[in-house]
N, C-alpha and C. Protein backbone atom coordinates (compact mmCIF):
# COMPACT_ATOMS: atom_id res chain seq x y z
N UNK A 1 94.41 101.43 98.25
CA UNK A 1 93.18 102.39 98.03
C UNK A 1 92.52 102.10 96.59
N UNK A 2 93.47 102.01 95.71
CA UNK A 2 92.91 101.68 94.22
C UNK A 2 92.23 100.42 94.31
N UNK A 3 92.76 99.31 95.00
CA UNK A 3 92.12 98.05 94.91
C UNK A 3 90.69 98.05 95.71
N UNK A 4 90.69 98.92 96.73
CA UNK A 4 89.32 99.08 97.36
C UNK A 4 88.28 99.63 96.36
N UNK A 5 88.86 100.80 95.70
CA UNK A 5 87.98 101.56 94.64
C UNK A 5 87.50 100.43 93.64
N UNK A 6 88.49 99.70 93.24
CA UNK A 6 88.31 98.83 92.24
C UNK A 6 87.19 97.70 92.63
N UNK A 7 87.34 97.21 93.80
CA UNK A 7 86.34 96.14 94.29
C UNK A 7 84.85 96.90 94.28
N UNK A 8 84.79 98.07 94.72
CA UNK A 8 83.52 98.87 94.79
C UNK A 8 83.00 98.87 93.34
N UNK A 9 83.77 99.21 92.39
CA UNK A 9 83.35 99.31 90.98
C UNK A 9 82.77 97.95 90.48
N UNK A 10 83.60 96.73 90.86
CA UNK A 10 83.11 95.50 90.52
C UNK A 10 81.78 95.24 91.12
N UNK A 11 81.51 95.60 92.38
CA UNK A 11 80.17 95.54 93.01
C UNK A 11 79.17 96.24 92.10
N UNK A 12 79.42 97.44 91.82
CA UNK A 12 78.53 98.30 90.99
C UNK A 12 78.24 97.59 89.68
N UNK A 13 79.25 97.12 89.10
CA UNK A 13 79.06 96.30 87.79
C UNK A 13 78.16 95.15 87.90
N UNK A 14 78.41 94.35 88.93
CA UNK A 14 77.51 93.31 89.21
C UNK A 14 76.14 93.70 89.47
N UNK A 15 75.82 94.87 90.29
CA UNK A 15 74.52 95.21 90.35
C UNK A 15 73.93 95.74 89.02
N UNK A 16 74.70 96.19 88.07
CA UNK A 16 74.23 96.59 86.90
C UNK A 16 73.69 95.46 85.93
N UNK A 17 74.52 94.30 86.20
CA UNK A 17 74.22 93.07 85.50
C UNK A 17 72.96 92.53 85.97
N UNK A 18 72.73 92.46 87.30
CA UNK A 18 71.54 92.07 87.87
C UNK A 18 70.27 92.89 87.41
N UNK A 19 70.58 94.27 87.38
CA UNK A 19 69.54 95.05 87.05
C UNK A 19 69.11 94.87 85.55
N UNK A 20 70.08 94.59 84.81
CA UNK A 20 69.90 94.28 83.43
C UNK A 20 69.03 92.99 83.28
N UNK A 21 69.35 92.15 83.97
CA UNK A 21 68.55 90.85 83.92
C UNK A 21 67.16 90.97 84.45
N UNK A 22 66.92 91.97 85.31
CA UNK A 22 65.61 92.10 85.85
C UNK A 22 64.72 93.05 84.96
N UNK A 23 65.40 94.15 84.49
CA UNK A 23 64.67 95.20 83.77
C UNK A 23 65.34 95.38 82.33
N UNK A 24 64.69 95.07 81.39
CA UNK A 24 65.24 95.39 80.02
C UNK A 24 65.02 96.94 79.68
N UNK A 25 65.90 97.51 79.10
CA UNK A 25 65.81 98.96 78.88
C UNK A 25 64.85 99.09 77.49
N UNK A 26 63.98 100.14 77.42
CA UNK A 26 63.30 100.26 76.20
C UNK A 26 64.24 101.04 75.22
N UNK A 27 65.14 101.77 75.67
CA UNK A 27 66.02 102.55 74.85
C UNK A 27 67.11 101.57 74.16
N UNK A 28 67.49 100.66 74.92
CA UNK A 28 68.66 99.94 74.38
C UNK A 28 68.16 98.45 74.35
N UNK A 29 68.64 97.63 73.49
CA UNK A 29 68.54 96.14 73.49
C UNK A 29 69.26 95.61 74.58
N UNK A 30 68.76 94.37 75.08
CA UNK A 30 69.42 93.70 76.01
C UNK A 30 70.93 93.18 75.42
N UNK A 31 71.08 92.94 74.18
CA UNK A 31 72.29 92.52 73.56
C UNK A 31 73.28 93.83 73.62
N UNK A 32 72.87 94.89 73.30
CA UNK A 32 73.69 95.96 73.37
C UNK A 32 74.24 96.43 74.69
N UNK A 33 73.20 96.15 75.72
CA UNK A 33 73.57 96.36 77.23
C UNK A 33 74.65 95.42 77.67
N UNK A 34 74.50 94.06 76.99
CA UNK A 34 75.45 92.98 77.41
C UNK A 34 76.83 93.26 76.73
N UNK A 35 76.68 93.88 75.55
CA UNK A 35 77.99 94.16 74.95
C UNK A 35 78.62 95.24 75.69
N UNK A 36 77.91 96.35 76.06
CA UNK A 36 78.57 97.33 76.84
C UNK A 36 79.03 96.88 78.26
N UNK A 37 78.31 96.01 78.81
CA UNK A 37 78.86 95.41 80.11
C UNK A 37 80.15 94.59 79.87
N UNK A 38 80.23 93.82 78.80
CA UNK A 38 81.37 93.14 78.29
C UNK A 38 82.64 94.11 78.14
N UNK A 39 82.47 95.36 77.47
CA UNK A 39 83.32 96.18 77.39
C UNK A 39 83.92 96.93 78.68
N UNK A 40 82.94 96.98 79.59
CA UNK A 40 83.27 97.63 80.92
C UNK A 40 84.02 96.42 81.57
N UNK A 41 83.72 95.27 81.53
CA UNK A 41 84.49 94.17 82.17
C UNK A 41 85.83 94.24 81.66
N UNK A 42 86.12 94.33 80.33
CA UNK A 42 87.50 94.38 79.71
C UNK A 42 88.16 95.52 80.30
N UNK A 43 87.51 96.68 80.39
CA UNK A 43 88.22 97.92 80.84
C UNK A 43 88.64 97.55 82.33
N UNK A 44 87.82 96.97 83.14
CA UNK A 44 88.16 96.70 84.56
C UNK A 44 89.29 95.78 84.51
N UNK A 45 89.36 94.83 83.72
CA UNK A 45 90.61 93.77 83.70
C UNK A 45 91.71 94.58 83.29
N UNK A 46 91.73 95.53 82.34
CA UNK A 46 92.85 96.30 81.92
C UNK A 46 93.41 97.21 83.26
N UNK A 47 92.48 97.62 83.89
CA UNK A 47 92.81 98.58 85.05
C UNK A 47 93.39 97.73 86.13
N UNK A 48 92.88 96.35 86.39
CA UNK A 48 93.60 95.42 87.36
C UNK A 48 95.01 95.25 86.90
N UNK A 49 95.25 94.96 85.58
CA UNK A 49 96.61 94.78 85.02
C UNK A 49 97.45 95.96 85.33
N UNK A 50 96.93 97.22 85.01
CA UNK A 50 97.75 98.35 85.23
C UNK A 50 98.13 98.52 86.78
N UNK A 51 97.18 98.16 87.64
CA UNK A 51 97.42 98.29 89.01
C UNK A 51 98.48 97.37 89.36
N UNK A 52 98.59 96.14 88.86
CA UNK A 52 99.65 95.09 89.20
C UNK A 52 101.02 95.69 88.73
N UNK A 53 100.89 96.12 87.56
CA UNK A 53 102.14 96.86 86.89
C UNK A 53 102.71 98.13 87.96
N UNK A 54 101.78 98.74 88.31
CA UNK A 54 101.97 99.93 89.17
C UNK A 54 102.57 99.43 90.45
N UNK A 55 102.01 98.44 91.08
CA UNK A 55 102.54 97.76 92.30
C UNK A 55 104.04 97.39 92.10
N UNK A 56 104.37 96.88 91.05
CA UNK A 56 105.61 96.26 90.65
C UNK A 56 106.68 97.44 90.64
N UNK A 57 106.28 98.46 89.87
CA UNK A 57 106.96 99.58 89.64
C UNK A 57 107.34 100.24 90.89
N UNK A 58 106.15 100.47 91.76
CA UNK A 58 106.35 101.27 93.06
C UNK A 58 107.32 100.36 93.95
N UNK A 59 107.27 99.05 93.94
CA UNK A 59 108.12 98.34 94.78
C UNK A 59 109.57 98.54 94.42
N UNK A 60 109.79 98.60 93.05
CA UNK A 60 111.11 98.90 92.54
C UNK A 60 111.66 100.30 93.04
N UNK A 61 110.76 101.38 92.94
CA UNK A 61 111.04 102.74 93.26
C UNK A 61 111.36 102.68 94.80
N UNK A 62 110.56 102.02 95.61
CA UNK A 62 110.75 101.98 96.96
C UNK A 62 112.16 101.37 97.27
N UNK A 63 112.59 100.31 96.68
CA UNK A 63 113.88 99.81 96.85
C UNK A 63 114.94 100.59 96.48
N UNK A 64 114.86 101.45 95.46
CA UNK A 64 115.80 102.42 95.00
C UNK A 64 115.97 103.60 95.96
N UNK A 65 114.80 103.93 96.55
CA UNK A 65 114.83 104.91 97.67
C UNK A 65 115.53 104.39 98.89
N UNK A 66 115.38 103.11 99.12
CA UNK A 66 115.94 102.54 100.42
C UNK A 66 117.41 102.57 100.20
N UNK A 67 117.92 102.19 98.95
CA UNK A 67 119.36 102.16 98.69
C UNK A 67 119.95 103.50 98.72
N UNK A 68 119.23 104.54 98.22
CA UNK A 68 119.58 105.98 98.30
C UNK A 68 119.74 106.44 99.81
N UNK A 69 118.69 106.06 100.60
CA UNK A 69 118.85 106.39 101.96
C UNK A 69 120.04 105.83 102.66
N UNK A 70 120.44 104.64 102.26
CA UNK A 70 121.58 104.01 102.88
C UNK A 70 122.79 104.63 102.55
N UNK A 71 122.90 104.99 101.12
CA UNK A 71 124.09 105.58 100.62
C UNK A 71 124.14 107.06 101.21
N UNK A 72 123.11 107.75 101.26
CA UNK A 72 123.11 109.06 101.77
C UNK A 72 123.59 109.13 103.17
N UNK A 73 123.23 108.21 103.94
CA UNK A 73 123.51 108.00 105.39
C UNK A 73 125.09 107.93 105.50
N UNK A 74 125.51 106.95 104.60
CA UNK A 74 126.89 106.62 104.62
C UNK A 74 127.64 107.90 104.18
N UNK A 75 127.28 108.57 103.10
CA UNK A 75 128.12 109.79 102.64
C UNK A 75 128.03 110.81 103.65
N UNK A 76 126.89 111.16 104.32
CA UNK A 76 126.72 111.94 105.37
C UNK A 76 127.82 111.72 106.55
N UNK A 77 127.89 110.49 106.93
CA UNK A 77 128.80 110.04 108.05
C UNK A 77 130.21 110.35 107.53
N UNK A 78 130.50 110.01 106.37
CA UNK A 78 131.92 110.38 105.76
C UNK A 78 132.21 111.84 105.79
N UNK A 79 131.21 112.49 105.39
CA UNK A 79 131.42 114.07 105.28
C UNK A 79 131.71 114.50 106.78
N UNK A 80 130.86 114.14 107.56
CA UNK A 80 131.15 114.53 109.04
C UNK A 80 132.47 114.22 109.56
N UNK A 81 132.92 112.96 109.33
CA UNK A 81 134.19 112.58 109.64
C UNK A 81 135.33 113.42 109.17
N UNK A 82 135.15 113.67 107.72
CA UNK A 82 136.02 114.54 107.10
C UNK A 82 136.16 115.99 107.67
N UNK A 83 135.12 116.55 107.94
CA UNK A 83 135.03 117.91 108.49
C UNK A 83 135.72 117.89 109.80
N UNK A 84 135.42 116.78 110.70
CA UNK A 84 135.99 116.72 112.05
C UNK A 84 137.67 116.57 111.89
N UNK A 85 138.18 115.71 110.86
CA UNK A 85 139.63 115.58 110.76
C UNK A 85 140.12 116.89 110.31
N UNK A 86 139.48 117.64 109.31
CA UNK A 86 139.98 118.96 108.83
C UNK A 86 140.00 119.92 109.93
N UNK A 87 139.02 119.97 110.85
CA UNK A 87 139.07 120.83 111.96
C UNK A 87 140.22 120.51 113.02
N UNK A 88 140.30 119.25 113.14
CA UNK A 88 141.47 118.71 114.06
C UNK A 88 142.90 119.03 113.64
N UNK A 89 142.99 119.03 112.24
CA UNK A 89 144.33 119.06 111.58
C UNK A 89 144.91 120.37 111.31
N UNK A 90 143.91 121.27 111.14
CA UNK A 90 144.35 122.63 110.86
C UNK A 90 145.09 123.22 111.88
N UNK A 91 146.25 123.98 111.30
CA UNK A 91 147.10 124.50 112.45
C UNK A 91 146.26 125.69 113.13
N UNK A 92 146.65 125.71 114.32
CA UNK A 92 146.00 126.87 115.11
C UNK A 92 146.65 128.19 114.89
N UNK A 93 145.93 129.21 114.67
CA UNK A 93 146.42 130.53 114.35
C UNK A 93 146.84 131.21 115.78
N UNK A 94 148.21 131.52 115.96
CA UNK A 94 148.63 132.03 117.11
C UNK A 94 149.11 133.47 116.81
N UNK A 95 148.98 134.37 117.75
CA UNK A 95 149.35 135.75 117.62
C UNK A 95 150.93 135.85 117.81
N UNK A 96 151.51 136.86 117.47
CA UNK A 96 152.90 137.07 117.69
C UNK A 96 153.18 137.20 119.21
N UNK A 97 152.47 138.02 119.81
CA UNK A 97 152.49 138.16 121.40
C UNK A 97 152.39 136.82 122.09
N UNK A 98 151.58 135.92 121.58
CA UNK A 98 151.36 134.59 122.21
C UNK A 98 152.72 133.85 122.17
N UNK A 99 153.24 133.84 120.76
CA UNK A 99 154.55 133.20 120.59
C UNK A 99 155.61 133.66 121.48
N UNK A 100 155.85 134.94 121.60
CA UNK A 100 156.83 135.56 122.52
C UNK A 100 156.65 135.14 123.83
N UNK A 101 155.43 135.04 124.50
CA UNK A 101 155.30 134.66 125.82
C UNK A 101 155.60 133.18 126.01
N UNK A 102 155.19 132.42 124.99
CA UNK A 102 155.62 130.96 125.05
C UNK A 102 157.09 130.69 124.85
N UNK A 103 157.79 131.67 124.16
CA UNK A 103 159.39 131.55 124.09
C UNK A 103 159.98 131.96 125.51
N UNK A 104 159.46 132.94 126.03
CA UNK A 104 159.86 133.30 127.33
C UNK A 104 159.60 132.12 128.32
N UNK A 105 158.51 131.61 128.47
CA UNK A 105 158.16 130.60 129.27
C UNK A 105 159.13 129.35 129.11
N UNK A 106 159.40 129.03 127.83
CA UNK A 106 160.45 127.90 127.58
C UNK A 106 161.66 128.25 127.92
N UNK A 107 162.11 129.59 127.79
CA UNK A 107 163.51 129.91 128.10
C UNK A 107 163.69 129.83 129.76
């Protein structure tokens, strides 16, 4: 999206250059306008550089999130397994009456 906006700004800048070539402003000299356009071009170059750095940074962040998602899924699976084992291994609570009935049945 930023690149699209940047290309639009480049087109606008080119239109300004063409307009400068066709119409010289009475308020500013062509040299001053050319200097201002050069400054704008430098600013655009800086923005392009910042966008490239941002892309690299975002790719790094996306990779870190991918690793996080993998580890989170693994930890979640291990936690589920642990809870299942804990549920299966805990002794069942039996009432005294049930134990008496079981003893009678066994006798």
